[in-house]
Each structure stands twice: as C-alpha cells, then as structure tokens.
Protein backbone atom coordinates (compact mmCIF):
# COMPACT_ATOMS: atom_id res chain seq x y z
CA MET A 1 -3.02 7.93 -17.89
CA CYS A 2 -6.64 7.57 -16.80
CA ASP A 3 -8.89 10.63 -16.64
CA PHE A 4 -10.74 10.00 -13.40
CA ASP A 5 -13.35 12.67 -14.19
CA ILE A 6 -14.73 10.55 -17.03
CA VAL A 7 -18.04 8.93 -16.14
CA VAL A 8 -17.90 5.34 -17.39
CA PRO A 9 -21.47 4.01 -17.96
CA ARG A 10 -21.83 0.86 -15.86
CA ARG A 11 -25.55 0.18 -16.02
CA GLY A 12 -26.34 -2.81 -18.17
CA THR A 13 -23.00 -4.50 -17.42
CA ASN A 14 -24.34 -6.80 -14.68
CA SER A 15 -22.68 -4.54 -12.14
CA LEU A 16 -23.52 -5.40 -8.54
CA LYS A 17 -23.09 -1.74 -7.69
CA TRP A 18 -25.10 -0.16 -10.49
CA ASP A 19 -27.55 -2.82 -11.70
CA SER A 20 -28.86 -4.13 -8.36
CA ARG A 21 -30.99 -1.00 -7.86
CA THR A 22 -31.20 1.09 -11.02
CA ASP A 23 -33.35 3.70 -9.27
CA LEU A 24 -30.57 4.71 -6.86
CA LEU A 25 -27.25 6.54 -7.16
CA PRO A 26 -24.86 3.95 -5.69
CA LEU A 27 -21.92 4.90 -3.49
CA TRP A 28 -22.03 1.82 -1.28
CA VAL A 29 -20.03 -1.29 -2.22
CA ALA A 30 -16.25 -0.91 -2.34
CA ASP A 31 -15.47 -0.98 -6.02
CA MET A 32 -14.35 2.00 -8.08
CA ASP A 33 -16.07 3.68 -10.99
CA PHE A 34 -12.69 4.16 -12.71
CA ARG A 35 -11.31 2.15 -15.60
CA ALA A 36 -8.46 -0.15 -14.64
CA PRO A 37 -4.91 0.84 -15.64
CA LYS A 38 -4.19 0.56 -19.37
CA PRO A 39 -1.54 -2.16 -18.87
CA VAL A 40 -4.22 -4.28 -17.19
CA ILE A 41 -6.78 -3.72 -19.95
CA ASP A 42 -4.17 -4.50 -22.61
CA ALA A 43 -3.05 -7.68 -20.83
CA VAL A 44 -6.61 -8.98 -20.51
CA ILE A 45 -7.40 -8.18 -24.15
CA ASP A 46 -4.21 -9.85 -25.35
CA ARG A 47 -5.02 -12.99 -23.39
CA ALA A 48 -8.62 -12.97 -24.64
CA ARG A 49 -7.43 -12.86 -28.25
CA HIS A 50 -5.72 -16.21 -27.78
CA GLY A 51 -9.15 -17.79 -27.74
CA VAL A 52 -8.43 -20.79 -25.50
CA TYR A 53 -9.25 -20.31 -21.83
CA GLY A 54 -8.39 -23.63 -20.24
CA TYR A 55 -7.07 -24.42 -16.79
CA THR A 56 -4.03 -22.40 -15.84
CA ILE A 57 -0.93 -22.66 -13.67
CA PHE A 58 0.94 -19.96 -11.78
CA PRO A 59 3.92 -18.65 -13.77
CA ASP A 60 7.09 -17.32 -12.17
CA SER A 61 5.99 -13.83 -13.20
CA TYR A 62 2.96 -14.13 -10.88
CA PHE A 63 5.11 -14.74 -7.81
CA ALA A 64 7.64 -12.11 -8.87
CA ALA A 65 4.93 -9.49 -9.34
CA ILE A 66 3.62 -10.03 -5.80
CA THR A 67 6.99 -10.23 -4.05
CA ASN A 68 8.33 -7.18 -5.88
CA TRP A 69 5.18 -5.18 -5.14
CA LEU A 70 5.26 -5.92 -1.42
CA ALA A 71 8.96 -5.07 -1.22
CA ARG A 72 8.54 -1.85 -3.17
CA ARG A 73 5.31 -0.55 -1.66
CA HIS A 74 5.45 -1.96 1.87
CA SER A 75 9.12 -2.71 2.57
CA TRP A 76 8.14 -6.31 3.22
CA THR A 77 10.40 -9.06 1.92
CA ILE A 78 8.61 -12.36 1.54
CA GLN A 79 9.44 -15.73 0.04
CA ARG A 80 7.49 -16.89 -2.99
CA ASP A 81 6.42 -20.12 -1.34
CA TRP A 82 4.57 -18.13 1.32
CA ILE A 83 2.03 -17.11 -1.35
CA THR A 84 -1.20 -19.12 -1.54
CA PHE A 85 -3.86 -18.31 -4.12
CA SER A 86 -7.45 -17.50 -3.17
CA PRO A 87 -10.31 -16.30 -5.38
CA GLY A 88 -10.96 -13.52 -2.88
CA VAL A 89 -10.18 -12.24 0.58
CA VAL A 90 -13.61 -13.22 1.94
CA PRO A 91 -13.18 -16.85 0.79
CA ALA A 92 -9.74 -16.82 2.43
CA LEU A 93 -11.24 -15.59 5.70
CA ASN A 94 -13.82 -18.37 5.61
CA ILE A 95 -11.19 -21.01 4.89
CA ALA A 96 -9.09 -19.75 7.81
CA VAL A 97 -12.04 -19.90 10.21
CA GLN A 98 -13.02 -23.38 9.03
CA THR A 99 -9.46 -24.71 9.15
CA PHE A 100 -8.01 -23.21 12.32
CA THR A 101 -11.02 -23.21 14.63
CA GLN A 102 -13.64 -25.75 15.65
CA PRO A 103 -17.42 -25.32 15.93
CA GLY A 104 -18.15 -23.43 19.14
CA ASP A 105 -14.72 -21.75 19.26
CA LYS A 106 -14.58 -17.99 19.61
CA VAL A 107 -13.19 -15.46 17.12
CA ILE A 108 -12.46 -11.81 17.95
CA VAL A 109 -13.39 -8.92 15.64
CA GLN A 110 -13.13 -5.15 16.18
CA PRO A 111 -16.40 -3.45 15.22
CA PRO A 112 -17.68 -1.44 13.63
CA VAL A 113 -16.04 -3.58 10.98
CA TYR A 114 -16.45 -5.07 7.49
CA TYR A 115 -19.64 -7.10 7.83
CA PRO A 116 -18.54 -10.34 6.07
CA PHE A 117 -16.34 -10.94 9.12
CA PHE A 118 -19.46 -11.73 11.14
CA ALA A 119 -20.78 -14.13 8.52
CA ALA A 120 -17.43 -15.92 8.25
CA ILE A 121 -17.65 -16.63 11.97
CA GLU A 122 -21.31 -17.25 12.69
CA GLU A 123 -22.26 -19.09 9.49
CA ASN A 124 -19.44 -21.53 10.18
CA GLY A 125 -20.77 -22.34 13.64
CA ARG A 126 -18.23 -20.27 15.57
CA ARG A 127 -18.94 -17.60 18.18
CA CYS A 128 -18.18 -13.96 17.54
CA VAL A 129 -16.45 -11.94 20.28
CA THR A 130 -16.45 -8.16 19.85
CA ASN A 131 -13.54 -5.99 20.92
CA ASN A 132 -15.26 -2.71 20.10
CA LEU A 133 -13.18 0.18 18.83
CA VAL A 134 -13.24 3.32 20.98
CA TYR A 135 -14.65 6.43 19.30
CA ARG A 136 -13.61 9.57 21.13
CA ASP A 137 -13.45 13.16 19.86
CA GLY A 138 -13.99 11.99 16.30
CA TYR A 139 -11.14 9.47 16.34
CA TYR A 140 -11.00 5.68 16.63
CA SER A 141 -8.56 3.62 18.67
CA MET A 142 -8.27 0.04 19.88
CA ASP A 143 -9.43 -0.91 23.37
CA PHE A 144 -6.41 -2.93 24.46
CA GLU A 145 -7.62 -3.50 28.02
CA ASP A 146 -10.79 -5.12 26.72
CA LEU A 147 -8.79 -7.08 24.15
CA GLU A 148 -6.53 -8.49 26.85
CA GLU A 149 -9.57 -9.52 28.89
CA GLN A 150 -11.24 -11.20 25.91
CA ALA A 151 -8.00 -12.92 24.88
CA HIS A 152 -7.67 -14.66 28.25
CA ASP A 153 -10.66 -16.85 27.36
CA PRO A 154 -9.13 -20.18 26.23
CA ARG A 155 -12.03 -20.67 23.84
CA VAL A 156 -10.78 -17.74 21.74
CA LYS A 157 -8.68 -19.23 18.94
CA LEU A 158 -8.47 -16.54 16.28
CA LEU A 159 -8.63 -12.77 15.73
CA ILE A 160 -9.61 -11.21 12.41
CA LEU A 161 -7.83 -7.90 11.97
CA CYS A 162 -8.93 -5.27 9.45
CA SER A 163 -5.87 -3.25 8.40
CA PRO A 164 -6.41 -0.61 7.12
CA HIS A 165 -9.71 -0.61 8.91
CA ASN A 166 -12.94 -0.67 6.96
CA PRO A 167 -15.14 1.30 7.60
CA VAL A 168 -13.53 3.69 10.13
CA GLY A 169 -10.52 4.43 7.93
CA ARG A 170 -7.72 3.93 10.43
CA VAL A 171 -4.23 2.96 9.27
CA TRP A 172 -2.94 1.22 12.38
CA SER A 173 0.43 2.38 13.66
CA ARG A 174 3.37 0.06 14.22
CA LYS A 175 2.94 0.52 17.97
CA GLU A 176 -0.75 -0.44 17.88
CA LEU A 177 -0.06 -3.51 15.76
CA GLU A 178 2.80 -4.61 17.99
CA ARG A 179 0.60 -4.41 21.07
CA LEU A 180 -2.26 -6.31 19.44
CA GLY A 181 0.18 -8.87 18.08
CA GLN A 182 1.78 -9.45 21.47
CA ILE A 183 -1.59 -10.00 23.13
CA CYS A 184 -2.37 -12.65 20.53
CA LEU A 185 1.03 -14.30 20.92
CA ASP A 186 0.70 -14.36 24.71
CA ASN A 187 -2.67 -16.09 24.45
CA ASP A 188 -2.00 -18.43 21.51
CA ILE A 189 -4.49 -16.67 19.24
CA MET A 190 -3.88 -16.81 15.49
CA ILE A 191 -4.21 -13.54 13.56
CA VAL A 192 -5.94 -13.45 10.19
CA SER A 193 -5.31 -9.99 8.78
CA ASP A 194 -7.50 -8.57 6.02
CA GLU A 195 -5.12 -6.12 4.33
CA ILE A 196 -6.96 -5.74 1.04
CA HIS A 197 -6.91 -1.92 1.35
CA CYS A 198 -3.18 -1.82 2.11
CA ASP A 199 -2.25 0.15 -1.02
CA ILE A 200 -4.87 2.84 -0.48
CA VAL A 201 -3.52 5.08 2.25
CA CYS A 202 -3.57 8.85 2.53
CA ARG A 203 -0.44 10.89 2.02
CA GLY A 204 1.73 10.90 5.13
CA LYS A 205 0.46 7.51 6.30
CA LYS A 206 2.24 4.17 5.96
CA HIS A 207 0.65 0.75 5.97
CA VAL A 208 2.53 -1.80 8.07
CA PRO A 209 1.79 -5.49 7.38
CA ILE A 210 1.43 -7.05 10.81
CA ALA A 211 3.39 -10.12 9.71
CA SER A 212 6.37 -7.90 8.86
CA LEU A 213 6.88 -6.87 12.49
CA SER A 214 8.63 -10.01 13.76
CA GLU A 215 9.29 -13.64 12.96
CA ALA A 216 6.93 -14.64 15.76
CA LEU A 217 4.07 -12.61 14.30
CA ALA A 218 4.82 -13.89 10.81
CA ALA A 219 4.54 -17.46 12.09
CA ASN A 220 1.27 -16.66 13.87
CA SER A 221 -0.53 -14.90 11.04
CA ILE A 222 -2.27 -15.23 7.71
CA THR A 223 -2.23 -12.01 5.68
CA CYS A 224 -4.95 -11.67 3.05
CA MET A 225 -4.26 -9.34 0.12
CA SER A 226 -5.41 -8.67 -3.43
CA PRO A 227 -4.97 -6.18 -6.27
CA SER A 228 -8.76 -5.93 -6.50
CA LYS A 229 -9.31 -2.80 -4.38
CA THR A 230 -6.08 -1.17 -5.55
CA PHE A 231 -6.77 -1.49 -9.28
CA ASN A 232 -10.55 -2.18 -9.43
CA LEU A 233 -10.30 -5.86 -10.34
CA ALA A 234 -12.84 -7.44 -7.98
CA GLY A 235 -14.71 -9.21 -10.77
CA LEU A 236 -11.57 -11.09 -11.80
CA GLN A 237 -11.57 -13.13 -8.57
CA THR A 238 -7.86 -13.00 -7.80
CA ALA A 239 -6.45 -12.66 -4.29
CA TYR A 240 -3.80 -14.38 -2.20
CA ALA A 241 -2.81 -15.19 1.36
CA ILE A 242 0.71 -14.73 2.69
CA ILE A 243 1.41 -17.60 5.11
CA PRO A 244 5.03 -17.81 6.33
CA ASP A 245 4.56 -20.85 8.59
CA ALA A 246 4.83 -24.05 6.55
CA LYS A 247 2.44 -26.14 8.66
CA THR A 248 -0.20 -23.41 8.65
CA ARG A 249 0.27 -22.93 4.92
CA ASP A 250 -0.13 -26.64 4.19
CA CYS A 251 -3.35 -26.82 6.21
CA PHE A 252 -4.74 -23.74 4.46
CA ALA A 253 -3.75 -25.04 1.02
CA ALA A 254 -5.42 -28.40 1.69
CA ALA A 255 -8.70 -26.67 2.52
CA ASN A 256 -8.29 -24.32 -0.45
CA LYS A 257 -7.57 -26.97 -3.09
CA VAL A 258 -10.99 -26.72 -4.73
CA HIS A 259 -10.20 -23.20 -5.95
CA ARG A 260 -8.39 -22.61 -9.23
CA ALA A 261 -7.00 -19.43 -10.73
CA ASN A 262 -8.94 -17.24 -13.16
CA VAL A 263 -6.95 -17.06 -16.38
CA PHE A 264 -7.71 -13.35 -16.83
CA GLY A 265 -7.20 -12.60 -13.16
CA LEU A 266 -3.62 -13.87 -13.30
CA GLU A 267 -2.80 -11.67 -16.27
CA ALA A 268 -4.45 -8.68 -14.61
CA LEU A 269 -2.55 -9.14 -11.34
CA ILE A 270 0.81 -9.35 -13.09
CA ALA A 271 0.11 -6.34 -15.30
CA ALA A 272 -1.25 -4.27 -12.41
CA TYR A 273 1.66 -4.88 -10.07
CA ASP A 274 4.28 -4.56 -12.82
CA GLY A 275 2.81 -1.62 -14.71
CA GLY A 276 0.07 0.06 -12.68
CA GLU A 277 1.98 2.07 -10.10
CA ALA A 278 1.76 5.43 -11.88
CA TRP A 279 -1.99 4.93 -12.31
CA LEU A 280 -2.28 4.15 -8.59
CA GLU A 281 -0.47 7.34 -7.56
CA SER A 282 -2.78 9.41 -9.76
CA MET A 283 -5.84 7.61 -8.41
CA LEU A 284 -4.76 8.27 -4.82
CA ASP A 285 -4.37 11.97 -5.59
CA TYR A 286 -7.81 12.07 -7.17
CA VAL A 287 -9.50 10.29 -4.28
CA GLU A 288 -7.82 12.64 -1.80
CA GLY A 289 -9.26 15.47 -3.87
CA ASN A 290 -12.68 13.86 -3.52
CA LEU A 291 -12.13 13.58 0.22
CA GLN A 292 -11.35 17.29 0.44
CA PHE A 293 -14.41 18.06 -1.69
CA LEU A 294 -16.51 15.99 0.72
CA ARG A 295 -15.06 17.76 3.75
CA ASP A 296 -15.65 21.22 2.27
CA PHE A 297 -19.19 20.38 1.17
CA VAL A 298 -20.15 18.91 4.53
CA ALA A 299 -18.61 21.77 6.52
CA LYS A 300 -20.49 24.38 4.51
CA ARG A 301 -23.78 22.70 3.71
CA MET A 302 -24.25 19.80 6.16
CA PRO A 303 -22.60 21.08 9.37
CA LYS A 304 -24.37 18.52 11.57
CA VAL A 305 -22.52 15.72 9.78
CA ARG A 306 -18.94 14.92 10.77
CA VAL A 307 -16.47 13.34 8.36
CA VAL A 308 -14.38 10.97 10.47
CA PRO A 309 -10.66 11.49 9.70
CA LEU A 310 -9.69 9.16 6.86
CA GLU A 311 -6.22 7.59 6.87
CA GLY A 312 -6.77 4.66 4.52
CA THR A 313 -9.28 3.06 2.11
CA TYR A 314 -11.40 5.12 -0.31
CA LEU A 315 -14.42 4.81 2.00
CA ALA A 316 -15.41 7.79 4.13
CA TRP A 317 -17.22 7.22 7.44
CA LEU A 318 -19.86 9.85 8.16
CA ASP A 319 -20.96 10.55 11.73
CA CYS A 320 -24.61 11.56 11.46
CA ALA A 321 -25.47 11.43 15.16
CA GLN A 322 -26.13 15.18 15.35
CA VAL A 323 -28.44 15.29 12.35
CA GLY A 324 -31.42 14.85 14.66
CA LEU A 325 -33.00 11.79 13.07
CA ASP A 326 -33.30 8.23 14.27
CA PRO A 327 -30.60 6.26 12.39
CA GLY A 328 -33.19 3.99 10.79
CA GLU A 329 -35.27 6.95 9.67
CA LEU A 330 -32.18 8.68 8.26
CA ASP A 331 -31.28 5.61 6.24
CA ARG A 332 -34.84 5.36 4.94
CA LEU A 333 -34.81 9.00 3.83
CA ILE A 334 -31.42 8.60 2.16
CA LEU A 335 -32.77 5.70 0.13
CA GLU A 336 -36.34 6.84 -0.51
CA LYS A 337 -35.99 10.62 -0.75
CA ALA A 338 -32.39 11.29 -1.72
CA ARG A 339 -32.32 8.13 -3.88
CA VAL A 340 -28.71 7.54 -2.84
CA TRP A 341 -27.36 4.15 -1.79
CA LEU A 342 -24.82 4.27 1.01
CA ASP A 343 -23.86 1.55 3.48
CA ASP A 344 -25.86 2.05 6.67
CA GLY A 345 -23.71 1.95 9.81
CA PRO A 346 -25.50 -0.81 11.76
CA ILE A 347 -24.50 -3.47 9.21
CA PHE A 348 -20.93 -3.03 10.50
CA GLY A 349 -21.94 -4.19 13.96
CA PRO A 350 -21.75 -2.54 17.39
CA GLY A 351 -20.87 1.14 17.19
CA GLY A 352 -22.22 1.54 13.67
CA ALA A 353 -25.59 3.14 14.48
CA GLY A 354 -25.73 6.77 13.43
CA PHE A 355 -23.05 6.41 10.75
CA GLN A 356 -23.08 6.04 6.98
CA ARG A 357 -20.25 4.81 4.73
CA ILE A 358 -19.73 6.54 1.38
CA ASN A 359 -17.48 5.45 -1.50
CA LEU A 360 -15.15 8.21 -2.77
CA ALA A 361 -13.71 6.24 -5.71
CA CYS A 362 -15.93 7.81 -8.34
CA PRO A 363 -15.85 10.83 -10.68
CA ARG A 364 -16.28 14.04 -8.71
CA SER A 365 -19.46 14.87 -10.60
CA ILE A 366 -21.10 11.71 -9.23
CA LEU A 367 -19.94 12.50 -5.70
CA GLU A 368 -21.25 16.05 -6.00
CA LYS A 369 -24.64 14.87 -7.26
CA ALA A 370 -24.92 12.41 -4.36
CA LEU A 371 -23.98 15.04 -1.79
CA GLU A 372 -26.49 17.52 -3.17
CA ARG A 373 -29.21 14.89 -2.80
CA LEU A 374 -28.07 14.03 0.73
CA GLU A 375 -28.09 17.70 1.65
CA GLU A 376 -31.82 17.91 1.02
CA VAL A 377 -32.46 15.07 3.48
CA VAL A 378 -30.18 16.50 6.15
CA ARG A 379 -31.53 20.03 5.86
CA VAL A 380 -35.15 19.11 6.47
CA SER A 381 -34.18 17.64 9.84
CA LEU A 382 -32.50 20.84 11.06
CA PRO A 383 -34.14 23.37 13.38
CA ALA A 384 -35.17 26.59 11.68
CA THR A 385 -32.58 28.51 13.73
CA CYS A 386 -29.70 26.56 12.19
CA PRO A 387 -27.76 28.59 9.55
CA ALA A 388 -27.89 25.60 7.19
CA HIS A 389 -31.71 25.35 7.29
CA PRO A 390 -33.24 26.03 3.86
CA ARG A 391 -34.99 29.21 4.97
CA ASN A 392 -31.62 30.65 6.07
CA ILE A 393 -29.78 29.87 2.82
CA SER A 394 -29.78 32.77 0.40
C-alpha cells in the first residue's frame, strides 16, 4: 500500500504542475503528488517491456473494468456499448459542444466552475449563459428559479454540469439532480455531465450519476468520466463518455473518430479499476486527514479565511473575503511573497473573486509548508487588534 507521506520528487519530469514555475510551491492544478497504485505501475511496466507500442484496440477487459467499477462504486448498471473512448474529459466536452450545438447557440454553466467549460463554449463560437450558484452562510446551492428562466430561451441547447462540483466541492443530492434534470427535459436541453471527480467524495456522501436517475435522463445526457483524477493518471490520456442513446452516441463517435487509445492508458485503466480500490480508500482517508489539518490550521492561524465545506473532490475552496485585501492584491502576494501557486478564484468565472482553490492531494508536509507561507501573507493584512496578528502571537 502507498505511503502518502512520501514526497515523490517531480521536478525535472516535465510536470505541468512542478516544472512550469520552479520558483513556486504548486498546489494548483488537479493532479496528485502520490504514486499511482502498484497494480497500475506493474501493468504499465509489463506492457512497456513488450517493446512494441503500435495501434491498439479495446479488449473485453476494458469494458468489463468500467462497467464493474460503476456498478460497484456508484450502483449504476450500464451496457458496454454505451461506452465511448475519449483522450480526456475536456476533449469530450468540446466534442459535445461542437456536435450538439450550432454557432451562436447558448450553453448553460454554473459558476464559479471549472474554467475549461468557458473555453469549450466560447472558443467554439457558442454563447455562454451563467446560472450562478448561490453562496449563503458558507454553503453553495443551485439557483433553480434562475435556471428555469434561462432554460426557457429556445436558443439554449445544452447544459454542462459539474458533478461533483469543481471548485466549490458540492456533491449534488439526488433531489437537486432530479430538479435540474427535469428542467432540462422540459426545455429540450441536453445535459453533458463532467463527473471526473465522482470517485472522490467525503465519507458520508454519495455521488449520484445524473444519467442513473431515469431512462429519460439517460437518453438526454452524456456522462464524462475517467480514472485520471481517481488514480492520478492524467498524463495517460484515457477517459470515456457514457452515452445511452444510440443516435447521440453515433453522432459523438463520428466526431470523435480522430482519437485513438493510448496503449499504456488502456492497461492503466484496467489495472486501476480492477485492482486499485484498496489504494483509493486509503487515499481518501489521507486526503480527509489533510482537509482536517487545513481546517485546524486555518481556524487557529488564519481566522479570517473560511474553508468552504468540502463534500467531494480533493480541492478545497478558500473564502478569503474577510482577509482585508483586494482579491488581485491577495493573489499577487500569494505568488510573489508566499511563493505558493494556488488557483485564483476569478478564473472560475462569476462568484470566484475573493476565493482561492488549493489542492489537498499531496503529502501533509507539503501542505503544511504551503500553509505556513500563506499565513505570513494573511497575517500582514490583519489589524493589530486581531489575535492572529504577528505582534499578538507569543
């Protein structure tokens, strides 16, 4: 079993996270600093030893691994022919926008939300419609009244759902998903659901695939999934879309035909889903420990920062509105003084200003170092009367 406290050196490995800015401590992009499960490493090494890496096909074990995983982890029974390969969830989102909307059509998103959603819409000549989440008393919820109003526009053809939600960390309830789904059905709006974080939910929470709720929602949805977040496999370029409706699936597959499977990605997916569950459970426990460490640290040493309740993903959403700094100035100080790289809230769209996203999927020593650096930035902005101000810390 993996020791998640081990710091795996990643600089010099062409890591987007660690080698893009070698002067910063990176807790931004959503990949883990943990080694993948041993069955995955072994499977990739075994395949590499073969020495021939030609074009590949999808074996029965690939489809079985996915269908068994979804049944076991999410109580969702699917048919193997619903599965369509994609090199990633973001490419799948782009294909869906290109295939099922026309230039000038409108697409709904729910910000603050994963920023590639905006690019998938606007860079393909579509118009983005925002159904902003409601943030009240430190908790996020959907604004269904606004969603119903937006959905009445006949130019709206598609809604991109983030479930679990990145960055606010909500795991949507069955009731919330049913209401959103019904609004889309009533207005003939297709749902494309990014469920890449579906396996990473906090104890006591349950991810519900929106397509599992009814036959009608299954027929009106494309569900995008991948083992990449779950098992830290993003560089192996292996994801998939679950598309129950045959006509929709055929259209998607036709647009997707230029993409072929990564020979190592296939082996990694099969090994992860078939043999990585114990590793996943241990990783979830460790990340929840990191979350508690974050909460305790912030409560004691950065009391003006609020950790938004996290239900899913390994990404914590920090409310910094009470720190007393302009959001742009705070981000500058985090980068230039603390030398820590977080994701600044405004990149997630409306409602993101004053927030920072921090990645918890790292050894605790790295998280602690980052928080100690952040503390210095936050403290200098506090009034001298605040108990957390440096002159009041003994």
